Amino acid sequence: MVFLREHLIGAHYNWQTEIKHGKLTNTPDRRRFDPANGNQLLYMINFFGVSIGKLSMDDGLRIESLIAVGLPSQLKSEISVFNWLRGKYLYYWN
């Protein structure tokens, strides 16, 4: 499943700024992650879904919620956010 803009619960996202890698073939890297950028949030949700081999609506909403509520402020890059999500998935999700 591809998680889309209309699936997000939050309405506060900025859609003005595009990200340089909209395709899921590009991996997260040291680019700054902005949790308020809707395009970047969708990229992270969908890339994470591809990396674990599945993505349900509940998974996407859980990732959105985790980022909105629990993302530590010291995590600034896409790769650090991705690794944090992976840790949450491995230890708490299953």
PDB file of N, CA and C in Angstrom:
ATOM      1  N   MET A   1       0.833  -1.178   0.000  1.00  0.00           N
ATOM      2  CA  MET A   1       0.000   0.000   0.000  1.00  0.00           C
ATOM      3  C   MET A   1       0.876   1.237   0.000  1.00  0.00           C
ATOM      4  N   VAL A   2       0.464   2.242  -0.731  1.00  0.00           N
ATOM      5  CA  VAL A   2       1.144   3.533  -0.711  1.00  0.00           C
ATOM      6  C   VAL A   2       0.335   4.462   0.172  1.00  0.00           C
ATOM      7  N   PHE A   3       0.997   5.027   1.152  1.00  0.00           N
ATOM      8  CA  PHE A   3       0.350   5.951   2.075  1.00  0.00           C
ATOM      9  C   PHE A   3       0.320   7.328   1.413  1.00  0.00           C
ATOM     10  N   LEU A   4      -0.849   7.937   1.337  1.00  0.00           N
ATOM     11  CA  LEU A   4      -1.044   9.191   0.621  1.00  0.00           C
ATOM     12  C   LEU A   4      -1.397  10.344   1.550  1.00  0.00           C
ATOM     13  N   ARG A   5      -1.353  11.523   1.013  1.00  0.00           N
ATOM     14  CA  ARG A   5      -1.669  12.748   1.755  1.00  0.00           C
ATOM     15  C   ARG A   5      -3.030  12.660   2.432  1.00  0.00           C
ATOM     16  N   GLU A   6      -3.995  12.120   1.730  1.00  0.00           N
ATOM     17  CA  GLU A   6      -5.345  12.051   2.289  1.00  0.00           C
ATOM     18  C   GLU A   6      -5.470  11.037   3.430  1.00  0.00           C
ATOM     19  N   HIS A   7      -4.469  10.205   3.634  1.00  0.00           N
ATOM     20  CA  HIS A   7      -4.481   9.248   4.734  1.00  0.00           C
ATOM     21  C   HIS A   7      -3.990   9.851   6.047  1.00  0.00           C
ATOM     22  N   LEU A   8      -3.259  10.956   5.968  1.00  0.00           N
ATOM     23  CA  LEU A   8      -2.715  11.577   7.170  1.00  0.00           C
ATOM     24  C   LEU A   8      -3.833  12.136   8.043  1.00  0.00           C
ATOM     25  N   ILE A   9      -3.659  12.029   9.337  1.00  0.00           N
ATOM     26  CA  ILE A   9      -4.640  12.577  10.274  1.00  0.00           C
ATOM     27  C   ILE A   9      -4.390  14.061  10.509  1.00  0.00           C
ATOM     28  N   GLY A  10      -3.132  14.431  10.668  1.00  0.00           N
ATOM     29  CA  GLY A  10      -2.770  15.823  10.936  1.00  0.00           C
ATOM     30  C   GLY A  10      -3.056  16.727   9.749  1.00  0.00           C
ATOM     31  N   ALA A  11      -3.431  17.954  10.057  1.00  0.00           N
ATOM     32  CA  ALA A  11      -3.742  18.929   9.004  1.00  0.00           C
ATOM     33  C   ALA A  11      -2.752  20.094   9.021  1.00  0.00           C
ATOM     34  N   HIS A  12      -1.709  19.990   9.814  1.00  0.00           N
ATOM     35  CA  HIS A  12      -0.779  21.094  10.015  1.00  0.00           C
ATOM     36  C   HIS A  12       0.461  21.038   9.118  1.00  0.00           C
ATOM     37  N   TYR A  13       0.500  20.141   8.177  1.00  0.00           N
ATOM     38  CA  TYR A  13       1.710  19.939   7.388  1.00  0.00           C
ATOM     39  C   TYR A  13       1.893  21.006   6.315  1.00  0.00           C
ATOM     40  N   ASN A  14       3.154  21.309   6.045  1.00  0.00           N
ATOM     41  CA  ASN A  14       3.534  22.253   4.996  1.00  0.00           C
ATOM     42  C   ASN A  14       3.712  21.461   3.705  1.00  0.00           C
ATOM     43  N   TRP A  15       3.016  21.868   2.670  1.00  0.00           N
ATOM     44  CA  TRP A  15       3.096  21.174   1.377  1.00  0.00           C
ATOM     45  C   TRP A  15       3.814  22.016   0.327  1.00  0.00           C
ATOM     46  N   GLN A  16       4.354  23.151   0.732  1.00  0.00           N
ATOM     47  CA  GLN A  16       5.018  24.052  -0.205  1.00  0.00           C
ATOM     48  C   GLN A  16       6.373  23.528  -0.665  1.00  0.00           C
ATOM     49  N   THR A  17       7.092  22.894   0.231  1.00  0.00           N
ATOM     50  CA  THR A  17       8.461  22.488  -0.044  1.00  0.00           C
ATOM     51  C   THR A  17       8.509  21.056  -0.548  1.00  0.00           C
ATOM     52  N   GLU A  18       9.007  20.894  -1.750  1.00  0.00           N
ATOM     53  CA  GLU A  18       9.206  19.551  -2.301  1.00  0.00           C
ATOM     54  C   GLU A  18      10.470  18.957  -1.686  1.00  0.00           C
ATOM     55  N   ILE A  19      10.593  17.674  -1.756  1.00  0.00           N
ATOM     56  CA  ILE A  19      11.839  17.035  -1.350  1.00  0.00           C
ATOM     57  C   ILE A  19      12.565  16.595  -2.606  1.00  0.00           C
ATOM     58  N   LYS A  20      13.843  16.450  -2.510  1.00  0.00           N
ATOM     59  CA  LYS A  20      14.655  16.167  -3.687  1.00  0.00           C
ATOM     60  C   LYS A  20      14.580  14.704  -4.128  1.00  0.00           C
ATOM     61  N   HIS A  21      14.018  13.848  -3.317  1.00  0.00           N
ATOM     62  CA  HIS A  21      13.974  12.428  -3.650  1.00  0.00           C
ATOM     63  C   HIS A  21      12.594  11.867  -3.333  1.00  0.00           C
ATOM     64  N   GLY A  22      11.685  12.038  -4.226  1.00  0.00           N
ATOM     65  CA  GLY A  22      10.343  11.544  -4.014  1.00  0.00           C
ATOM     66  C   GLY A  22      10.197  10.055  -4.253  1.00  0.00           C
ATOM     67  N   LYS A  23      11.147   9.467  -4.939  1.00  0.00           N
ATOM     68  CA  LYS A  23      11.054   8.044  -5.259  1.00  0.00           C
ATOM     69  C   LYS A  23      11.585   7.202  -4.111  1.00  0.00           C
ATOM     70  N   LEU A  24      10.971   6.090  -3.902  1.00  0.00           N
ATOM     71  CA  LEU A  24      11.353   5.235  -2.790  1.00  0.00           C
ATOM     72  C   LEU A  24      12.624   4.448  -3.056  1.00  0.00           C
ATOM     73  N   THR A  25      13.214   4.624  -4.227  1.00  0.00           N
ATOM     74  CA  THR A  25      14.475   3.945  -4.515  1.00  0.00           C
ATOM     75  C   THR A  25      15.636   4.681  -3.861  1.00  0.00           C
ATOM     76  N   ASN A  26      15.451   5.941  -3.530  1.00  0.00           N
ATOM     77  CA  ASN A  26      16.484   6.702  -2.830  1.00  0.00           C
ATOM     78  C   ASN A  26      16.348   6.441  -1.342  1.00  0.00           C
ATOM     79  N   THR A  27      17.459   6.178  -0.690  1.00  0.00           N
ATOM     80  CA  THR A  27      17.417   5.878   0.736  1.00  0.00           C
ATOM     81  C   THR A  27      17.557   7.151   1.558  1.00  0.00           C
ATOM     82  N   PRO A  28      17.040   7.133   2.774  1.00  0.00           N
ATOM     83  CA  PRO A  28      17.230   8.286   3.663  1.00  0.00           C
ATOM     84  C   PRO A  28      18.720   8.521   3.869  1.00  0.00           C
ATOM     85  N   ASP A  29      19.082   9.780   3.987  1.00  0.00           N
ATOM     86  CA  ASP A  29      20.486  10.105   4.205  1.00  0.00           C
ATOM     87  C   ASP A  29      20.599  11.244   5.209  1.00  0.00           C
ATOM     88  N   ARG A  30      21.625  12.037   5.094  1.00  0.00           N
ATOM     89  CA  ARG A  30      21.891  13.099   6.064  1.00  0.00           C
ATOM     90  C   ARG A  30      21.087  14.377   5.808  1.00  0.00           C
ATOM     91  N   ARG A  31      20.212  14.354   4.811  1.00  0.00           N
ATOM     92  CA  ARG A  31      19.361  15.528   4.587  1.00  0.00           C
ATOM     93  C   ARG A  31      18.554  15.812   5.840  1.00  0.00           C
ATOM     94  N   ARG A  32      18.345  17.069   6.106  1.00  0.00           N
ATOM     95  CA  ARG A  32      17.570  17.486   7.272  1.00  0.00           C
ATOM     96  C   ARG A  32      16.133  16.980   7.148  1.00  0.00           C
ATOM     97  N   PHE A  33      15.619  16.403   8.228  1.00  0.00           N
ATOM     98  CA  PHE A  33      14.241  15.933   8.261  1.00  0.00           C
ATOM     99  C   PHE A  33      13.383  16.973   8.967  1.00  0.00           C
ATOM    100  N   ASP A  34      12.333  17.395   8.279  1.00  0.00           N
ATOM    101  CA  ASP A  34      11.382  18.357   8.838  1.00  0.00           C
ATOM    102  C   ASP A  34      10.052  17.643   9.039  1.00  0.00           C
ATOM    103  N   PRO A  35       9.675  17.340  10.283  1.00  0.00           N
ATOM    104  CA  PRO A  35       8.429  16.605  10.518  1.00  0.00           C
ATOM    105  C   PRO A  35       7.175  17.378  10.124  1.00  0.00           C
ATOM    106  N   ALA A  36       7.299  18.670   9.883  1.00  0.00           N
ATOM    107  CA  ALA A  36       6.152  19.474   9.454  1.00  0.00           C
ATOM    108  C   ALA A  36       6.010  19.499   7.935  1.00  0.00           C
ATOM    109  N   ASN A  37       6.987  18.959   7.218  1.00  0.00           N
ATOM    110  CA  ASN A  37       6.927  18.897   5.763  1.00  0.00           C
ATOM    111  C   ASN A  37       6.150  17.637   5.374  1.00  0.00           C
ATOM    112  N   GLY A  38       4.952  17.815   4.868  1.00  0.00           N
ATOM    113  CA  GLY A  38       4.095  16.689   4.528  1.00  0.00           C
ATOM    114  C   GLY A  38       4.707  15.767   3.496  1.00  0.00           C
ATOM    115  N   ASN A  39       5.387  16.329   2.505  1.00  0.00           N
ATOM    116  CA  ASN A  39       6.022  15.500   1.476  1.00  0.00           C
ATOM    117  C   ASN A  39       7.117  14.624   2.067  1.00  0.00           C
ATOM    118  N   GLN A  40       7.899  15.195   2.952  1.00  0.00           N
ATOM    119  CA  GLN A  40       8.980  14.438   3.570  1.00  0.00           C
ATOM    120  C   GLN A  40       8.436  13.378   4.527  1.00  0.00           C
ATOM    121  N   LEU A  41       7.363  13.695   5.220  1.00  0.00           N
ATOM    122  CA  LEU A  41       6.721  12.722   6.105  1.00  0.00           C
ATOM    123  C   LEU A  41       6.182  11.537   5.310  1.00  0.00           C
ATOM    124  N   LEU A  42       5.511  11.820   4.195  1.00  0.00           N
ATOM    125  CA  LEU A  42       4.994  10.739   3.348  1.00  0.00           C
ATOM    126  C   LEU A  42       6.125   9.878   2.802  1.00  0.00           C
ATOM    127  N   TYR A  43       7.215  10.519   2.397  1.00  0.00           N
ATOM    128  CA  TYR A  43       8.379   9.766   1.917  1.00  0.00           C
ATOM    129  C   TYR A  43       8.869   8.814   3.009  1.00  0.00           C
ATOM    130  N   MET A  44       8.995   9.322   4.240  1.00  0.00           N
ATOM    131  CA  MET A  44       9.516   8.501   5.335  1.00  0.00           C
ATOM    132  C   MET A  44       8.565   7.348   5.652  1.00  0.00           C
ATOM    133  N   ILE A  45       7.267   7.617   5.707  1.00  0.00           N
ATOM    134  CA  ILE A  45       6.293   6.563   5.982  1.00  0.00           C
ATOM    135  C   ILE A  45       6.373   5.482   4.908  1.00  0.00           C
ATOM    136  N   ASN A  46       6.370   5.889   3.653  1.00  0.00           N
ATOM    137  CA  ASN A  46       6.371   4.914   2.558  1.00  0.00           C
ATOM    138  C   ASN A  46       7.701   4.174   2.434  1.00  0.00           C
ATOM    139  N   PHE A  47       8.806   4.871   2.640  1.00  0.00           N
ATOM    140  CA  PHE A  47      10.098   4.191   2.585  1.00  0.00           C
ATOM    141  C   PHE A  47      10.199   3.176   3.712  1.00  0.00           C
ATOM    142  N   PHE A  48       9.758   3.545   4.889  1.00  0.00           N
ATOM    143  CA  PHE A  48       9.782   2.609   6.010  1.00  0.00           C
ATOM    144  C   PHE A  48       8.924   1.388   5.697  1.00  0.00           C
ATOM    145  N   GLY A  49       7.770   1.602   5.100  1.00  0.00           N
ATOM    146  CA  GLY A  49       6.902   0.492   4.710  1.00  0.00           C
ATOM    147  C   GLY A  49       7.575  -0.444   3.735  1.00  0.00           C
ATOM    148  N   VAL A  50       8.279   0.107   2.757  1.00  0.00           N
ATOM    149  CA  VAL A  50       9.014  -0.720   1.791  1.00  0.00           C
ATOM    150  C   VAL A  50      10.116  -1.496   2.510  1.00  0.00           C
ATOM    151  N   SER A  51      10.793  -0.857   3.438  1.00  0.00           N
ATOM    152  CA  SER A  51      11.918  -1.503   4.116  1.00  0.00           C
ATOM    153  C   SER A  51      11.480  -2.677   4.991  1.00  0.00           C
ATOM    154  N   ILE A  52      10.268  -2.624   5.552  1.00  0.00           N
ATOM    155  CA  ILE A  52       9.803  -3.738   6.379  1.00  0.00           C
ATOM    156  C   ILE A  52       8.991  -4.746   5.567  1.00  0.00           C
ATOM    157  N   GLY A  53       8.726  -4.423   4.305  1.00  0.00           N
ATOM    158  CA  GLY A  53       8.060  -5.360   3.414  1.00  0.00           C
ATOM    159  C   GLY A  53       6.553  -5.275   3.406  1.00  0.00           C
ATOM    160  N   LYS A  54       5.999  -4.354   4.163  1.00  0.00           N
ATOM    161  CA  LYS A  54       4.543  -4.187   4.179  1.00  0.00           C
ATOM    162  C   LYS A  54       4.216  -2.838   4.785  1.00  0.00           C
ATOM    163  N   LEU A  55       3.063  -2.336   4.449  1.00  0.00           N
ATOM    164  CA  LEU A  55       2.590  -1.099   5.056  1.00  0.00           C
ATOM    165  C   LEU A  55       1.074  -1.132   5.028  1.00  0.00           C
ATOM    166  N   SER A  56       0.491  -1.133   6.191  1.00  0.00           N
ATOM    167  CA  SER A  56      -0.964  -1.070   6.286  1.00  0.00           C
ATOM    168  C   SER A  56      -1.356   0.358   6.657  1.00  0.00           C
ATOM    169  N   MET A  57      -2.627   0.640   6.597  1.00  0.00           N
ATOM    170  CA  MET A  57      -3.118   1.948   7.009  1.00  0.00           C
ATOM    171  C   MET A  57      -2.755   2.198   8.471  1.00  0.00           C
ATOM    172  N   ASP A  58      -2.931   1.191   9.308  1.00  0.00           N
ATOM    173  CA  ASP A  58      -2.591   1.340  10.729  1.00  0.00           C
ATOM    174  C   ASP A  58      -1.105   1.613  10.936  1.00  0.00           C
ATOM    175  N   ASP A  59      -0.247   0.935  10.157  1.00  0.00           N
ATOM    176  CA  ASP A  59       1.192   1.181  10.253  1.00  0.00           C
ATOM    177  C   ASP A  59       1.520   2.627   9.909  1.00  0.00           C
ATOM    178  N   GLY A  60       0.958   3.124   8.813  1.00  0.00           N
ATOM    179  CA  GLY A  60       1.214   4.495   8.395  1.00  0.00           C
ATOM    180  C   GLY A  60       0.754   5.507   9.425  1.00  0.00           C
ATOM    181  N   LEU A  61      -0.405   5.284   9.994  1.00  0.00           N
ATOM    182  CA  LEU A  61      -0.923   6.191  11.019  1.00  0.00           C
ATOM    183  C   LEU A  61      -0.085   6.121  12.289  1.00  0.00           C
ATOM    184  N   ARG A  62       0.406   4.924  12.606  1.00  0.00           N
ATOM    185  CA  ARG A  62       1.271   4.780  13.784  1.00  0.00           C
ATOM    186  C   ARG A  62       2.582   5.538  13.577  1.00  0.00           C
ATOM    187  N   ILE A  63       3.154   5.452  12.390  1.00  0.00           N
ATOM    188  CA  ILE A  63       4.389   6.179  12.096  1.00  0.00           C
ATOM    189  C   ILE A  63       4.134   7.681  12.176  1.00  0.00           C
ATOM    190  N   GLU A  64       3.033   8.142  11.592  1.00  0.00           N
ATOM    191  CA  GLU A  64       2.700   9.576  11.672  1.00  0.00           C
ATOM    192  C   GLU A  64       2.609  10.011  13.129  1.00  0.00           C
ATOM    193  N   SER A  65       1.922   9.234  13.942  1.00  0.00           N
ATOM    194  CA  SER A  65       1.759   9.564  15.354  1.00  0.00           C
ATOM    195  C   SER A  65       3.087   9.535  16.104  1.00  0.00           C
ATOM    196  N   LEU A  66       3.893   8.519  15.860  1.00  0.00           N
ATOM    197  CA  LEU A  66       5.205   8.435  16.507  1.00  0.00           C
ATOM    198  C   LEU A  66       6.054   9.655  16.200  1.00  0.00           C
ATOM    199  N   ILE A  67       6.071  10.062  14.939  1.00  0.00           N
ATOM    200  CA  ILE A  67       6.872  11.219  14.545  1.00  0.00           C
ATOM    201  C   ILE A  67       6.305  12.494  15.163  1.00  0.00           C
ATOM    202  N   ALA A  68       4.996  12.636  15.159  1.00  0.00           N
ATOM    203  CA  ALA A  68       4.362  13.853  15.683  1.00  0.00           C
ATOM    204  C   ALA A  68       4.543  13.990  17.191  1.00  0.00           C
ATOM    205  N   VAL A  69       4.468  12.882  17.908  1.00  0.00           N
ATOM    206  CA  VAL A  69       4.446  12.936  19.363  1.00  0.00           C
ATOM    207  C   VAL A  69       5.770  12.541  20.005  1.00  0.00           C
ATOM    208  N   GLY A  70       6.441  11.555  19.435  1.00  0.00           N
ATOM    209  CA  GLY A  70       7.582  10.979  20.136  1.00  0.00           C
ATOM    210  C   GLY A  70       8.946  11.219  19.547  1.00  0.00           C
ATOM    211  N   LEU A  71       9.043  11.906  18.414  1.00  0.00           N
ATOM    212  CA  LEU A  71      10.345  12.086  17.770  1.00  0.00           C
ATOM    213  C   LEU A  71      11.256  12.945  18.648  1.00  0.00           C
ATOM    214  N   PRO A  72      12.377  12.400  19.093  1.00  0.00           N
ATOM    215  CA  PRO A  72      13.312  13.187  19.904  1.00  0.00           C
ATOM    216  C   PRO A  72      13.847  14.393  19.121  1.00  0.00           C
ATOM    217  N   SER A  73      13.950  15.511  19.788  1.00  0.00           N
ATOM    218  CA  SER A  73      14.352  16.755  19.113  1.00  0.00           C
ATOM    219  C   SER A  73      15.777  16.705  18.575  1.00  0.00           C
ATOM    220  N   GLN A  74      16.627  15.841  19.128  1.00  0.00           N
ATOM    221  CA  GLN A  74      18.009  15.772  18.656  1.00  0.00           C
ATOM    222  C   GLN A  74      18.155  15.029  17.332  1.00  0.00           C
ATOM    223  N   LEU A  75      17.097  14.352  16.878  1.00  0.00           N
ATOM    224  CA  LEU A  75      17.156  13.650  15.592  1.00  0.00           C
ATOM    225  C   LEU A  75      16.852  14.644  14.480  1.00  0.00           C
ATOM    226  N   LYS A  76      17.841  14.929  13.669  1.00  0.00           N
ATOM    227  CA  LYS A  76      17.710  15.982  12.664  1.00  0.00           C
ATOM    228  C   LYS A  76      17.753  15.480  11.226  1.00  0.00           C
ATOM    229  N   SER A  77      18.366  14.328  10.994  1.00  0.00           N
ATOM    230  CA  SER A  77      18.532  13.845   9.616  1.00  0.00           C
ATOM    231  C   SER A  77      17.529  12.741   9.309  1.00  0.00           C
ATOM    232  N   GLU A  78      17.307  12.529   8.020  1.00  0.00           N
ATOM    233  CA  GLU A  78      16.406  11.456   7.596  1.00  0.00           C
ATOM    234  C   GLU A  78      16.888  10.097   8.096  1.00  0.00           C
ATOM    235  N   ILE A  79      18.181   9.856   7.992  1.00  0.00           N
ATOM    236  CA  ILE A  79      18.701   8.541   8.389  1.00  0.00           C
ATOM    237  C   ILE A  79      18.537   8.316   9.888  1.00  0.00           C
ATOM    238  N   SER A  80      18.711   9.359  10.687  1.00  0.00           N
ATOM    239  CA  SER A  80      18.533   9.187  12.133  1.00  0.00           C
ATOM    240  C   SER A  80      17.071   8.930  12.474  1.00  0.00           C
ATOM    241  N   VAL A  81      16.144   9.583  11.771  1.00  0.00           N
ATOM    242  CA  VAL A  81      14.711   9.345  11.987  1.00  0.00           C
ATOM    243  C   VAL A  81      14.356   7.927  11.543  1.00  0.00           C
ATOM    244  N   PHE A  82      14.867   7.509  10.396  1.00  0.00           N
ATOM    245  CA  PHE A  82      14.609   6.157   9.905  1.00  0.00           C
ATOM    246  C   PHE A  82      15.116   5.111  10.902  1.00  0.00           C
ATOM    247  N   ASN A  83      16.333   5.285  11.400  1.00  0.00           N
ATOM    248  CA  ASN A  83      16.900   4.334  12.357  1.00  0.00           C
ATOM    249  C   ASN A  83      16.104   4.311  13.663  1.00  0.00           C
ATOM    250  N   TRP A  84      15.622   5.470  14.089  1.00  0.00           N
ATOM    251  CA  TRP A  84      14.785   5.559  15.287  1.00  0.00           C
ATOM    252  C   TRP A  84      13.484   4.792  15.064  1.00  0.00           C
ATOM    253  N   LEU A  85      12.861   4.972  13.904  1.00  0.00           N
ATOM    254  CA  LEU A  85      11.634   4.240  13.586  1.00  0.00           C
ATOM    255  C   LEU A  85      11.885   2.740  13.541  1.00  0.00           C
ATOM    256  N   ARG A  86      13.012   2.348  12.974  1.00  0.00           N
ATOM    257  CA  ARG A  86      13.351   0.931  12.894  1.00  0.00           C
ATOM    258  C   ARG A  86      13.496   0.329  14.292  1.00  0.00           C
ATOM    259  N   GLY A  87      14.119   1.076  15.190  1.00  0.00           N
ATOM    260  CA  GLY A  87      14.237   0.619  16.576  1.00  0.00           C
ATOM    261  C   GLY A  87      12.882   0.478  17.242  1.00  0.00           C
ATOM    262  N   LYS A  88      12.008   1.429  17.021  1.00  0.00           N
ATOM    263  CA  LYS A  88      10.642   1.346  17.569  1.00  0.00           C
ATOM    264  C   LYS A  88       9.931   0.128  17.012  1.00  0.00           C
ATOM    265  N   TYR A  89      10.089  -0.109  15.728  1.00  0.00           N
ATOM    266  CA  TYR A  89       9.435  -1.244  15.079  1.00  0.00           C
ATOM    267  C   TYR A  89       9.952  -2.566  15.642  1.00  0.00           C
ATOM    268  N   LEU A  90      11.271  -2.694  15.750  1.00  0.00           N
ATOM    269  CA  LEU A  90      11.866  -3.952  16.195  1.00  0.00           C
ATOM    270  C   LEU A  90      11.542  -4.278  17.647  1.00  0.00           C
ATOM    271  N   TYR A  91      11.504  -3.264  18.499  1.00  0.00           N
ATOM    272  CA  TYR A  91      11.368  -3.529  19.939  1.00  0.00           C
ATOM    273  C   TYR A  91       9.954  -3.401  20.479  1.00  0.00           C
ATOM    274  N   TYR A  92       9.126  -2.598  19.830  1.00  0.00           N
ATOM    275  CA  TYR A  92       7.806  -2.330  20.406  1.00  0.00           C
ATOM    276  C   TYR A  92       6.630  -2.715  19.526  1.00  0.00           C
ATOM    277  N   TRP A  93       6.873  -2.826  18.244  1.00  0.00           N
ATOM    278  CA  TRP A  93       5.780  -3.005  17.290  1.00  0.00           C
ATOM    279  C   TRP A  93       5.263  -4.430  17.277  1.00  0.00           C
ATOM    280  N   ASN A  94       6.159  -5.367  17.292  1.00  0.00           N
ATOM    281  CA  ASN A  94       5.786  -6.777  17.108  1.00  0.00           C
ATOM    282  C   ASN A  94       5.354  -7.452  18.384  1.00  0.00           C
TER     283      ASN A  94
END
